[in-house]
PDB file of all heavy atoms in Angstrom:
ATOM      1  N   MET A   1       4.899  11.639 -12.202  1.00  0.00           N
ATOM      2  CA  MET A   1       3.889  11.064 -11.352  1.00  0.00           C
ATOM      3  C   MET A   1       4.325   9.657 -10.829  1.00  0.00           C
ATOM      4  O   MET A   1       3.479   8.864 -10.437  1.00  0.00           O
ATOM      5  CB  MET A   1       2.559  10.953 -12.102  1.00  0.00           C
ATOM      6  CG  MET A   1       2.043  12.230 -12.678  1.00  0.00           C
ATOM      7  SD  MET A   1       1.413  13.342 -11.435  1.00  0.00           S
ATOM      8  CE  MET A   1      -0.206  12.664 -11.205  1.00  0.00           C
ATOM      9  N   PHE A   2       5.634   9.417 -10.792  1.00  0.00           N
ATOM     10  CA  PHE A   2       6.158   8.104 -10.406  1.00  0.00           C
ATOM     11  C   PHE A   2       7.250   8.310  -9.347  1.00  0.00           C
ATOM     12  O   PHE A   2       8.055   9.199  -9.471  1.00  0.00           O
ATOM     13  CB  PHE A   2       6.749   7.427 -11.636  1.00  0.00           C
ATOM     14  CG  PHE A   2       7.311   6.070 -11.400  1.00  0.00           C
ATOM     15  CD1 PHE A   2       6.473   4.956 -11.280  1.00  0.00           C
ATOM     16  CD2 PHE A   2       8.657   5.860 -11.297  1.00  0.00           C
ATOM     17  CE1 PHE A   2       6.992   3.701 -11.056  1.00  0.00           C
ATOM     18  CE2 PHE A   2       9.184   4.597 -11.048  1.00  0.00           C
ATOM     19  CZ  PHE A   2       8.338   3.511 -10.944  1.00  0.00           C
ATOM     20  N   VAL A   3       7.243   7.436  -8.343  1.00  0.00           N
ATOM     21  CA  VAL A   3       8.247   7.527  -7.293  1.00  0.00           C
ATOM     22  C   VAL A   3       8.607   6.122  -6.793  1.00  0.00           C
ATOM     23  O   VAL A   3       7.767   5.247  -6.768  1.00  0.00           O
ATOM     24  CB  VAL A   3       7.770   8.426  -6.111  1.00  0.00           C
ATOM     25  CG1 VAL A   3       6.563   7.828  -5.395  1.00  0.00           C
ATOM     26  CG2 VAL A   3       8.900   8.734  -5.149  1.00  0.00           C
ATOM     27  N   ILE A   4       9.880   5.942  -6.419  1.00  0.00           N
ATOM     28  CA  ILE A   4      10.333   4.713  -5.769  1.00  0.00           C
ATOM     29  C   ILE A   4      11.025   5.062  -4.464  1.00  0.00           C
ATOM     30  O   ILE A   4      11.909   5.933  -4.469  1.00  0.00           O
ATOM     31  CB  ILE A   4      11.323   3.904  -6.689  1.00  0.00           C
ATOM     32  CG1 ILE A   4      10.676   3.537  -8.014  1.00  0.00           C
ATOM     33  CG2 ILE A   4      11.817   2.665  -5.928  1.00  0.00           C
ATOM     34  CD1 ILE A   4      11.635   2.907  -8.981  1.00  0.00           C
ATOM     35  N   VAL A   5      10.596   4.419  -3.383  1.00  0.00           N
ATOM     36  CA  VAL A   5      11.240   4.634  -2.068  1.00  0.00           C
ATOM     37  C   VAL A   5      11.556   3.258  -1.456  1.00  0.00           C
ATOM     38  O   VAL A   5      10.976   2.256  -1.846  1.00  0.00           O
ATOM     39  CB  VAL A   5      10.359   5.455  -1.098  1.00  0.00           C
ATOM     40  CG1 VAL A   5      10.139   6.870  -1.649  1.00  0.00           C
ATOM     41  CG2 VAL A   5       9.068   4.765  -0.805  1.00  0.00           C
ATOM     42  N   GLN A   6      12.502   3.301  -0.517  1.00  0.00           N
ATOM     43  CA  GLN A   6      12.825   2.070   0.256  1.00  0.00           C
ATOM     44  C   GLN A   6      12.556   2.328   1.721  1.00  0.00           C
ATOM     45  O   GLN A   6      12.729   3.467   2.203  1.00  0.00           O
ATOM     46  CB  GLN A   6      14.280   1.685   0.075  1.00  0.00           C
ATOM     47  CG  GLN A   6      14.530   0.866  -1.156  1.00  0.00           C
ATOM     48  CD  GLN A   6      15.944   0.290  -1.144  1.00  0.00           C
ATOM     49  OE1 GLN A   6      16.826   0.743  -0.487  1.00  0.00           O
ATOM     50  NE2 GLN A   6      16.114  -0.763  -1.958  1.00  0.00           N
ATOM     51  N   THR A   7      12.110   1.318   2.443  1.00  0.00           N
ATOM     52  CA  THR A   7      11.837   1.442   3.837  1.00  0.00           C
ATOM     53  C   THR A   7      12.269   0.158   4.570  1.00  0.00           C
ATOM     54  O   THR A   7      12.416  -0.917   3.977  1.00  0.00           O
ATOM     55  CB  THR A   7      10.333   1.699   4.071  1.00  0.00           C
ATOM     56  OG1 THR A   7      10.078   1.838   5.499  1.00  0.00           O
ATOM     57  CG2 THR A   7       9.476   0.580   3.532  1.00  0.00           C
ATOM     58  N   ASP A   8      12.412   0.290   5.892  1.00  0.00           N
ATOM     59  CA  ASP A   8      12.749  -0.872   6.724  1.00  0.00           C
ATOM     60  C   ASP A   8      11.456  -1.614   7.122  1.00  0.00           C
ATOM     61  O   ASP A   8      11.524  -2.707   7.713  1.00  0.00           O
ATOM     62  CB  ASP A   8      13.512  -0.446   7.979  1.00  0.00           C
ATOM     63  CG  ASP A   8      14.953  -0.019   7.637  1.00  0.00           C
ATOM     64  OD1 ASP A   8      15.516  -0.546   6.685  1.00  0.00           O
ATOM     65  OD2 ASP A   8      15.461   0.874   8.341  1.00  0.00           O
ATOM     66  N   LEU A   9      10.262  -1.029   6.856  1.00  0.00           N
ATOM     67  CA  LEU A   9       9.017  -1.720   7.193  1.00  0.00           C
ATOM     68  C   LEU A   9       8.919  -3.040   6.415  1.00  0.00           C
ATOM     69  O   LEU A   9       9.429  -3.156   5.308  1.00  0.00           O
ATOM     70  CB  LEU A   9       7.821  -0.812   6.819  1.00  0.00           C
ATOM     71  CG  LEU A   9       7.621   0.463   7.595  1.00  0.00           C
ATOM     72  CD1 LEU A   9       6.421   1.216   7.035  1.00  0.00           C
ATOM     73  CD2 LEU A   9       7.377   0.169   9.061  1.00  0.00           C
ATOM     74  N   THR A  10       8.171  -3.974   6.950  1.00  0.00           N
ATOM     75  CA  THR A  10       7.877  -5.200   6.192  1.00  0.00           C
ATOM     76  C   THR A  10       6.865  -4.836   5.088  1.00  0.00           C
ATOM     77  O   THR A  10       6.244  -3.779   5.152  1.00  0.00           O
ATOM     78  CB  THR A  10       7.226  -6.252   7.101  1.00  0.00           C
ATOM     79  OG1 THR A  10       5.988  -5.773   7.543  1.00  0.00           O
ATOM     80  CG2 THR A  10       8.148  -6.628   8.297  1.00  0.00           C
ATOM     81  N   VAL A  11       6.729  -5.726   4.107  1.00  0.00           N
ATOM     82  CA  VAL A  11       5.748  -5.497   3.039  1.00  0.00           C
ATOM     83  C   VAL A  11       4.364  -5.334   3.654  1.00  0.00           C
ATOM     84  O   VAL A  11       3.627  -4.402   3.290  1.00  0.00           O
ATOM     85  CB  VAL A  11       5.782  -6.652   2.036  1.00  0.00           C
ATOM     86  CG1 VAL A  11       4.639  -6.569   1.084  1.00  0.00           C
ATOM     87  CG2 VAL A  11       7.111  -6.686   1.253  1.00  0.00           C
ATOM     88  N   GLU A  12       4.015  -6.142   4.587  1.00  0.00           N
ATOM     89  CA  GLU A  12       2.683  -6.088   5.251  1.00  0.00           C
ATOM     90  C   GLU A  12       2.502  -4.775   5.949  1.00  0.00           C
ATOM     91  O   GLU A  12       1.448  -4.132   5.847  1.00  0.00           O
ATOM     92  CB  GLU A  12       2.537  -7.263   6.216  1.00  0.00           C
ATOM     93  CG  GLU A  12       1.206  -7.322   6.907  1.00  0.00           C
ATOM     94  CD  GLU A  12       1.073  -8.505   7.838  1.00  0.00           C
ATOM     95  OE1 GLU A  12       1.576  -9.595   7.528  1.00  0.00           O
ATOM     96  OE2 GLU A  12       0.464  -8.344   8.933  1.00  0.00           O
ATOM     97  N   ASP A  13       3.490  -4.323   6.721  1.00  0.00           N
ATOM     98  CA  ASP A  13       3.394  -3.061   7.468  1.00  0.00           C
ATOM     99  C   ASP A  13       3.341  -1.889   6.524  1.00  0.00           C
ATOM    100  O   ASP A  13       2.644  -0.882   6.782  1.00  0.00           O
ATOM    101  CB  ASP A  13       4.531  -2.904   8.462  1.00  0.00           C
ATOM    102  CG  ASP A  13       4.360  -3.817   9.659  1.00  0.00           C
ATOM    103  OD1 ASP A  13       3.225  -4.334   9.903  1.00  0.00           O
ATOM    104  OD2 ASP A  13       5.378  -4.040  10.375  1.00  0.00           O
ATOM    105  N   ALA A  14       4.088  -1.922   5.423  1.00  0.00           N
ATOM    106  CA  ALA A  14       4.065  -0.822   4.457  1.00  0.00           C
ATOM    107  C   ALA A  14       2.691  -0.725   3.786  1.00  0.00           C
ATOM    108  O   ALA A  14       2.130   0.332   3.595  1.00  0.00           O
ATOM    109  CB  ALA A  14       5.166  -1.001   3.403  1.00  0.00           C
ATOM    110  N   ALA A  15       2.104  -1.886   3.418  1.00  0.00           N
ATOM    111  CA  ALA A  15       0.770  -1.894   2.824  1.00  0.00           C
ATOM    112  C   ALA A  15      -0.268  -1.320   3.800  1.00  0.00           C
ATOM    113  O   ALA A  15      -1.130  -0.528   3.395  1.00  0.00           O
ATOM    114  CB  ALA A  15       0.407  -3.321   2.420  1.00  0.00           C
ATOM    115  N   LYS A  16      -0.189  -1.699   5.061  1.00  0.00           N
ATOM    116  CA  LYS A  16      -1.058  -1.175   6.080  1.00  0.00           C
ATOM    117  C   LYS A  16      -0.902   0.320   6.230  1.00  0.00           C
ATOM    118  O   LYS A  16      -1.882   1.081   6.311  1.00  0.00           O
ATOM    119  CB  LYS A  16      -0.798  -1.866   7.408  1.00  0.00           C
ATOM    120  CG  LYS A  16      -1.768  -1.475   8.507  1.00  0.00           C
ATOM    121  CD  LYS A  16      -1.478  -2.258   9.782  1.00  0.00           C
ATOM    122  CE  LYS A  16      -2.365  -1.800  10.910  1.00  0.00           C
ATOM    123  NZ  LYS A  16      -2.093  -2.515  12.132  1.00  0.00           N
ATOM    124  N   PHE A  17       0.354   0.818   6.203  1.00  0.00           N
ATOM    125  CA  PHE A  17       0.621   2.259   6.305  1.00  0.00           C
ATOM    126  C   PHE A  17      -0.046   2.989   5.164  1.00  0.00           C
ATOM    127  O   PHE A  17      -0.753   3.989   5.373  1.00  0.00           O
ATOM    128  CB  PHE A  17       2.130   2.482   6.254  1.00  0.00           C
ATOM    129  CG  PHE A  17       2.455   3.970   6.049  1.00  0.00           C
ATOM    130  CD1 PHE A  17       2.487   4.839   7.123  1.00  0.00           C
ATOM    131  CD2 PHE A  17       2.765   4.459   4.774  1.00  0.00           C
ATOM    132  CE1 PHE A  17       2.762   6.166   6.947  1.00  0.00           C
ATOM    133  CE2 PHE A  17       3.085   5.785   4.597  1.00  0.00           C
ATOM    134  CZ  PHE A  17       3.062   6.664   5.659  1.00  0.00           C
ATOM    135  N   TYR A  18       0.135   2.555   3.924  1.00  0.00           N
ATOM    136  CA  TYR A  18      -0.491   3.237   2.782  1.00  0.00           C
ATOM    137  C   TYR A  18      -1.976   3.160   2.791  1.00  0.00           C
ATOM    138  O   TYR A  18      -2.690   4.138   2.487  1.00  0.00           O
ATOM    139  CB  TYR A  18       0.107   2.692   1.460  1.00  0.00           C
ATOM    140  CG  TYR A  18       1.452   3.348   1.158  1.00  0.00           C
ATOM    141  CD1 TYR A  18       2.619   2.699   1.502  1.00  0.00           C
ATOM    142  CD2 TYR A  18       1.519   4.629   0.630  1.00  0.00           C
ATOM    143  CE1 TYR A  18       3.830   3.294   1.269  1.00  0.00           C
ATOM    144  CE2 TYR A  18       2.756   5.214   0.410  1.00  0.00           C
ATOM    145  CZ  TYR A  18       3.892   4.541   0.740  1.00  0.00           C
ATOM    146  OH  TYR A  18       5.137   5.128   0.541  1.00  0.00           O
ATOM    147  N   ASP A  19      -2.546   1.996   3.160  1.00  0.00           N
ATOM    148  CA  ASP A  19      -4.006   1.860   3.225  1.00  0.00           C
ATOM    149  C   ASP A  19      -4.600   2.836   4.226  1.00  0.00           C
ATOM    150  O   ASP A  19      -5.554   3.561   3.927  1.00  0.00           O
ATOM    151  CB  ASP A  19      -4.366   0.411   3.562  1.00  0.00           C
ATOM    152  CG  ASP A  19      -5.803   0.074   3.285  1.00  0.00           C
ATOM    153  OD1 ASP A  19      -6.341   0.574   2.251  1.00  0.00           O
ATOM    154  OD2 ASP A  19      -6.408  -0.629   4.086  1.00  0.00           O
ATOM    155  N   GLU A  20      -4.019   2.901   5.418  1.00  0.00           N
ATOM    156  CA  GLU A  20      -4.523   3.767   6.466  1.00  0.00           C
ATOM    157  C   GLU A  20      -4.298   5.254   6.128  1.00  0.00           C
ATOM    158  O   GLU A  20      -5.203   6.068   6.299  1.00  0.00           O
ATOM    159  CB  GLU A  20      -3.896   3.429   7.803  1.00  0.00           C
ATOM    160  CG  GLU A  20      -4.324   2.104   8.349  1.00  0.00           C
ATOM    161  CD  GLU A  20      -3.615   1.682   9.631  1.00  0.00           C
ATOM    162  OE1 GLU A  20      -2.694   2.417  10.058  1.00  0.00           O
ATOM    163  OE2 GLU A  20      -3.953   0.639  10.154  1.00  0.00           O
ATOM    164  N   THR A  21      -3.055   5.591   5.679  1.00  0.00           N
ATOM    165  CA  THR A  21      -2.704   6.989   5.441  1.00  0.00           C
ATOM    166  C   THR A  21      -3.497   7.577   4.275  1.00  0.00           C
ATOM    167  O   THR A  21      -4.038   8.683   4.351  1.00  0.00           O
ATOM    168  CB  THR A  21      -1.208   7.110   5.209  1.00  0.00           C
ATOM    169  OG1 THR A  21      -0.505   6.599   6.343  1.00  0.00           O
ATOM    170  CG2 THR A  21      -0.814   8.536   4.979  1.00  0.00           C
ATOM    171  N   LEU A  22      -3.551   6.813   3.169  1.00  0.00           N
ATOM    172  CA  LEU A  22      -4.267   7.354   2.007  1.00  0.00           C
ATOM    173  C   LEU A  22      -5.755   7.453   2.269  1.00  0.00           C
ATOM    174  O   LEU A  22      -6.420   8.397   1.800  1.00  0.00           O
ATOM    175  CB  LEU A  22      -3.984   6.482   0.784  1.00  0.00           C
ATOM    176  CG  LEU A  22      -2.535   6.585   0.278  1.00  0.00           C
ATOM    177  CD1 LEU A  22      -2.289   5.563  -0.822  1.00  0.00           C
ATOM    178  CD2 LEU A  22      -2.247   7.978  -0.236  1.00  0.00           C
ATOM    179  N   SER A  23      -6.322   6.539   3.038  1.00  0.00           N
ATOM    180  CA  SER A  23      -7.747   6.612   3.398  1.00  0.00           C
ATOM    181  C   SER A  23      -8.015   7.886   4.169  1.00  0.00           C
ATOM    182  O   SER A  23      -9.015   8.576   3.907  1.00  0.00           O
ATOM    183  CB  SER A  23      -8.119   5.363   4.246  1.00  0.00           C
ATOM    184  OG  SER A  23      -9.472   5.440   4.664  1.00  0.00           O
ATOM    185  N   LYS A  24      -7.151   8.231   5.119  1.00  0.00           N
ATOM    186  CA  LYS A  24      -7.308   9.478   5.887  1.00  0.00           C
ATOM    187  C   LYS A  24      -7.200  10.720   5.002  1.00  0.00           C
ATOM    188  O   LYS A  24      -7.717  11.760   5.311  1.00  0.00           O
ATOM    189  CB  LYS A  24      -6.244   9.555   7.000  1.00  0.00           C
ATOM    190  CG  LYS A  24      -6.466   8.579   8.096  1.00  0.00           C
ATOM    191  CD  LYS A  24      -5.341   8.635   9.092  1.00  0.00           C
ATOM    192  CE  LYS A  24      -5.458   7.555  10.153  1.00  0.00           C
ATOM    193  NZ  LYS A  24      -4.305   7.537  11.081  1.00  0.00           N
ATOM    194  N   LEU A  25      -6.492  10.611   3.865  1.00  0.00           N
ATOM    195  CA  LEU A  25      -6.306  11.742   2.948  1.00  0.00           C
ATOM    196  C   LEU A  25      -7.387  11.758   1.878  1.00  0.00           C
ATOM    197  O   LEU A  25      -7.276  12.558   0.924  1.00  0.00           O
ATOM    198  CB  LEU A  25      -4.941  11.644   2.299  1.00  0.00           C
ATOM    199  CG  LEU A  25      -3.742  11.817   3.267  1.00  0.00           C
ATOM    200  CD1 LEU A  25      -2.433  11.556   2.552  1.00  0.00           C
ATOM    201  CD2 LEU A  25      -3.757  13.239   3.888  1.00  0.00           C
ATOM    202  N   GLY A  26      -8.422  10.950   2.015  1.00  0.00           N
ATOM    203  CA  GLY A  26      -9.541  10.980   1.111  1.00  0.00           C
ATOM    204  C   GLY A  26      -9.494  10.075  -0.116  1.00  0.00           C
ATOM    205  O   GLY A  26     -10.320  10.131  -1.005  1.00  0.00           O
ATOM    206  N   TRP A  27      -8.436   9.204  -0.168  1.00  0.00           N
ATOM    207  CA  TRP A  27      -8.319   8.237  -1.270  1.00  0.00           C
ATOM    208  C   TRP A  27      -9.226   7.055  -0.952  1.00  0.00           C
ATOM    209  O   TRP A  27      -9.354   6.618   0.166  1.00  0.00           O
ATOM    210  CB  TRP A  27      -6.878   7.793  -1.425  1.00  0.00           C
ATOM    211  CG  TRP A  27      -5.998   8.847  -1.938  1.00  0.00           C
ATOM    212  CD1 TRP A  27      -5.318   9.792  -1.226  1.00  0.00           C
ATOM    213  CD2 TRP A  27      -5.624   9.049  -3.307  1.00  0.00           C
ATOM    214  NE1 TRP A  27      -4.602  10.598  -2.088  1.00  0.00           N
ATOM    215  CE2 TRP A  27      -4.757  10.156  -3.359  1.00  0.00           C
ATOM    216  CE3 TRP A  27      -5.971   8.423  -4.518  1.00  0.00           C
ATOM    217  CZ2 TRP A  27      -4.200  10.642  -4.560  1.00  0.00           C
ATOM    218  CZ3 TRP A  27      -5.446   8.907  -5.711  1.00  0.00           C
ATOM    219  CH2 TRP A  27      -4.562  10.014  -5.713  1.00  0.00           C
ATOM    220  N   THR A  28      -9.797   6.478  -2.015  1.00  0.00           N
ATOM    221  CA  THR A  28     -10.683   5.295  -1.863  1.00  0.00           C
ATOM    222  C   THR A  28      -9.933   4.096  -2.388  1.00  0.00           C
ATOM    223  O   THR A  28      -9.444   4.084  -3.525  1.00  0.00           O
ATOM    224  CB  THR A  28     -11.975   5.488  -2.671  1.00  0.00           C
ATOM    225  OG1 THR A  28     -12.654   6.654  -2.187  1.00  0.00           O
ATOM    226  CG2 THR A  28     -12.892   4.270  -2.548  1.00  0.00           C
ATOM    227  N   SER A  29      -9.838   3.060  -1.553  1.00  0.00           N
ATOM    228  CA  SER A  29      -9.178   1.830  -1.944  1.00  0.00           C
ATOM    229  C   SER A  29     -10.022   1.077  -2.980  1.00  0.00           C
ATOM    230  O   SER A  29     -11.235   0.961  -2.780  1.00  0.00           O
ATOM    231  CB  SER A  29      -8.944   0.934  -0.734  1.00  0.00           C
ATOM    232  OG  SER A  29      -8.351  -0.289  -1.079  1.00  0.00           O
ATOM    233  N   ASP A  30      -9.415   0.588  -4.031  1.00  0.00           N
ATOM    234  CA  ASP A  30     -10.098  -0.217  -5.024  1.00  0.00           C
ATOM    235  C   ASP A  30      -9.728  -1.671  -4.730  1.00  0.00           C
ATOM    236  O   ASP A  30      -8.740  -2.193  -5.183  1.00  0.00           O
ATOM    237  CB  ASP A  30      -9.635   0.161  -6.447  1.00  0.00           C
ATOM    238  CG  ASP A  30     -10.328  -0.641  -7.512  1.00  0.00           C
ATOM    239  OD1 ASP A  30     -11.099  -1.555  -7.194  1.00  0.00           O
ATOM    240  OD2 ASP A  30     -10.078  -0.349  -8.707  1.00  0.00           O
ATOM    241  N   GLU A  31     -10.578  -2.292  -3.914  1.00  0.00           N
ATOM    242  CA  GLU A  31     -10.305  -3.673  -3.412  1.00  0.00           C
ATOM    243  C   GLU A  31     -10.176  -4.655  -4.556  1.00  0.00           C
ATOM    244  O   GLU A  31      -9.394  -5.618  -4.516  1.00  0.00           O
ATOM    245  CB  GLU A  31     -11.364  -4.121  -2.437  1.00  0.00           C
ATOM    246  CG  GLU A  31     -11.478  -3.296  -1.181  1.00  0.00           C
ATOM    247  CD  GLU A  31     -10.240  -3.421  -0.285  1.00  0.00           C
ATOM    248  OE1 GLU A  31      -9.609  -4.486  -0.251  1.00  0.00           O
ATOM    249  OE2 GLU A  31      -9.902  -2.433   0.367  1.00  0.00           O
ATOM    250  N   SER A  32     -10.911  -4.457  -5.657  1.00  0.00           N
ATOM    251  CA  SER A  32     -10.887  -5.408  -6.769  1.00  0.00           C
ATOM    252  C   SER A  32      -9.561  -5.372  -7.510  1.00  0.00           C
ATOM    253  O   SER A  32      -9.208  -6.309  -8.198  1.00  0.00           O
ATOM    254  CB  SER A  32     -12.036  -5.127  -7.720  1.00  0.00           C
ATOM    255  OG  SER A  32     -11.911  -3.891  -8.364  1.00  0.00           O
ATOM    256  N   SER A  33      -8.829  -4.263  -7.411  1.00  0.00           N
ATOM    257  CA  SER A  33      -7.541  -4.141  -8.078  1.00  0.00           C
ATOM    258  C   SER A  33      -6.355  -4.270  -7.118  1.00  0.00           C
ATOM    259  O   SER A  33      -5.214  -4.091  -7.525  1.00  0.00           O
ATOM    260  CB  SER A  33      -7.444  -2.808  -8.809  1.00  0.00           C
ATOM    261  OG  SER A  33      -8.411  -2.711  -9.783  1.00  0.00           O
ATOM    262  N   SER A  34      -6.636  -4.575  -5.851  1.00  0.00           N
ATOM    263  CA  SER A  34      -5.567  -4.722  -4.843  1.00  0.00           C
ATOM    264  C   SER A  34      -5.359  -6.194  -4.532  1.00  0.00           C
ATOM    265  O   SER A  34      -6.334  -6.906  -4.356  1.00  0.00           O
ATOM    266  CB  SER A  34      -5.952  -3.944  -3.556  1.00  0.00           C
ATOM    267  OG  SER A  34      -6.094  -2.567  -3.845  1.00  0.00           O
ATOM    268  N   ASN A  35      -4.095  -6.590  -4.451  1.00  0.00           N
ATOM    269  CA  ASN A  35      -3.753  -7.996  -4.186  1.00  0.00           C
ATOM    270  C   ASN A  35      -2.516  -8.067  -3.299  1.00  0.00           C
ATOM    271  O   ASN A  35      -1.662  -7.226  -3.379  1.00  0.00           O
ATOM    272  CB  ASN A  35      -3.432  -8.753  -5.505  1.00  0.00           C
ATOM    273  CG  ASN A  35      -4.596  -8.804  -6.458  1.00  0.00           C
ATOM    274  OD1 ASN A  35      -5.619  -9.354  -6.116  1.00  0.00           O
ATOM    275  ND2 ASN A  35      -4.448  -8.161  -7.566  1.00  0.00           N
ATOM    276  N   SER A  36      -2.454  -9.124  -2.518  1.00  0.00           N
ATOM    277  CA  SER A  36      -1.255  -9.411  -1.719  1.00  0.00           C
ATOM    278  C   SER A  36      -0.913 -10.891  -1.909  1.00  0.00           C
ATOM    279  O   SER A  36      -1.786 -11.755  -1.871  1.00  0.00           O
ATOM    280  CB  SER A  36      -1.497  -9.131  -0.242  1.00  0.00           C
ATOM    281  OG  SER A  36      -1.630  -7.782  -0.012  1.00  0.00           O
ATOM    282  N   PHE A  37       0.370 -11.132  -2.153  1.00  0.00           N
ATOM    283  CA  PHE A  37       0.831 -12.526  -2.291  1.00  0.00           C
ATOM    284  C   PHE A  37       2.276 -12.594  -1.876  1.00  0.00           C
ATOM    285  O   PHE A  37       3.113 -11.910  -2.487  1.00  0.00           O
ATOM    286  CB  PHE A  37       0.596 -13.070  -3.722  1.00  0.00           C
ATOM    287  CG  PHE A  37       0.792 -11.993  -4.782  1.00  0.00           C
ATOM    288  CD1 PHE A  37       1.997 -11.780  -5.395  1.00  0.00           C
ATOM    289  CD2 PHE A  37      -0.301 -11.204  -5.137  1.00  0.00           C
ATOM    290  CE1 PHE A  37       2.125 -10.836  -6.367  1.00  0.00           C
ATOM    291  CE2 PHE A  37      -0.135 -10.235  -6.111  1.00  0.00           C
ATOM    292  CZ  PHE A  37       1.053 -10.026  -6.718  1.00  0.00           C
ATOM    293  N   GLY A  38       2.540 -13.370  -0.827  1.00  0.00           N
ATOM    294  CA  GLY A  38       3.931 -13.533  -0.374  1.00  0.00           C
ATOM    295  C   GLY A  38       4.532 -12.232   0.034  1.00  0.00           C
ATOM    296  O   GLY A  38       3.943 -11.446   0.795  1.00  0.00           O
ATOM    297  N   ASP A  39       5.698 -11.929  -0.496  1.00  0.00           N
ATOM    298  CA  ASP A  39       6.431 -10.683  -0.186  1.00  0.00           C
ATOM    299  C   ASP A  39       6.128  -9.602  -1.183  1.00  0.00           C
ATOM    300  O   ASP A  39       7.010  -8.795  -1.566  1.00  0.00           O
ATOM    301  CB  ASP A  39       7.949 -10.949  -0.150  1.00  0.00           C
ATOM    302  CG  ASP A  39       8.385 -11.593   1.141  1.00  0.00           C
ATOM    303  OD1 ASP A  39       7.655 -11.519   2.154  1.00  0.00           O
ATOM    304  OD2 ASP A  39       9.465 -12.238   1.157  1.00  0.00           O
ATOM    305  N   MET A  40       4.859  -9.527  -1.628  1.00  0.00           N
ATOM    306  CA  MET A  40       4.470  -8.468  -2.576  1.00  0.00           C
ATOM    307  C   MET A  40       3.030  -8.053  -2.355  1.00  0.00           C
ATOM    308  O   MET A  40       2.154  -8.891  -2.098  1.00  0.00           O
ATOM    309  CB  MET A  40       4.673  -8.948  -3.998  1.00  0.00           C
ATOM    310  CG  MET A  40       4.353  -7.920  -5.075  1.00  0.00           C
ATOM    311  SD  MET A  40       4.623  -8.533  -6.727  1.00  0.00           S
ATOM    312  CE  MET A  40       6.415  -8.571  -6.785  1.00  0.00           C
ATOM    313  N   SER A  41       2.767  -6.776  -2.438  1.00  0.00           N
ATOM    314  CA  SER A  41       1.400  -6.225  -2.349  1.00  0.00           C
ATOM    315  C   SER A  41       1.213  -5.208  -3.453  1.00  0.00           C
ATOM    316  O   SER A  41       2.110  -4.435  -3.761  1.00  0.00           O
ATOM    317  CB  SER A  41       1.135  -5.535  -1.026  1.00  0.00           C
ATOM    318  OG  SER A  41       0.958  -6.477  -0.022  1.00  0.00           O
ATOM    319  N   SER A  42       0.068  -5.261  -4.101  1.00  0.00           N
ATOM    320  CA  SER A  42      -0.312  -4.321  -5.130  1.00  0.00           C
ATOM    321  C   SER A  42      -1.572  -3.617  -4.675  1.00  0.00           C
ATOM    322  O   SER A  42      -2.607  -4.302  -4.460  1.00  0.00           O
ATOM    323  CB  SER A  42      -0.541  -5.050  -6.470  1.00  0.00           C
ATOM    324  OG  SER A  42      -1.032  -4.135  -7.433  1.00  0.00           O
ATOM    325  N   LEU A  43      -1.539  -2.331  -4.478  1.00  0.00           N
ATOM    326  CA  LEU A  43      -2.667  -1.543  -3.991  1.00  0.00           C
ATOM    327  C   LEU A  43      -3.099  -0.578  -5.018  1.00  0.00           C
ATOM    328  O   LEU A  43      -2.290  -0.056  -5.771  1.00  0.00           O
ATOM    329  CB  LEU A  43      -2.289  -0.805  -2.694  1.00  0.00           C
ATOM    330  CG  LEU A  43      -1.645  -1.619  -1.593  1.00  0.00           C
ATOM    331  CD1 LEU A  43      -1.184  -0.729  -0.476  1.00  0.00           C
ATOM    332  CD2 LEU A  43      -2.591  -2.670  -1.073  1.00  0.00           C
TER     333      LEU A  43
END
């Protein structure tokens, strides 16, 4: 249940991609457990 991928997207664009895509697939974002700081995002 674990995967690591690399992309040319920026950290910000990758976070936006996952937020939008997973939302469309029925996943609910847990805002209280999601953080962004500098070049890192935890969703």
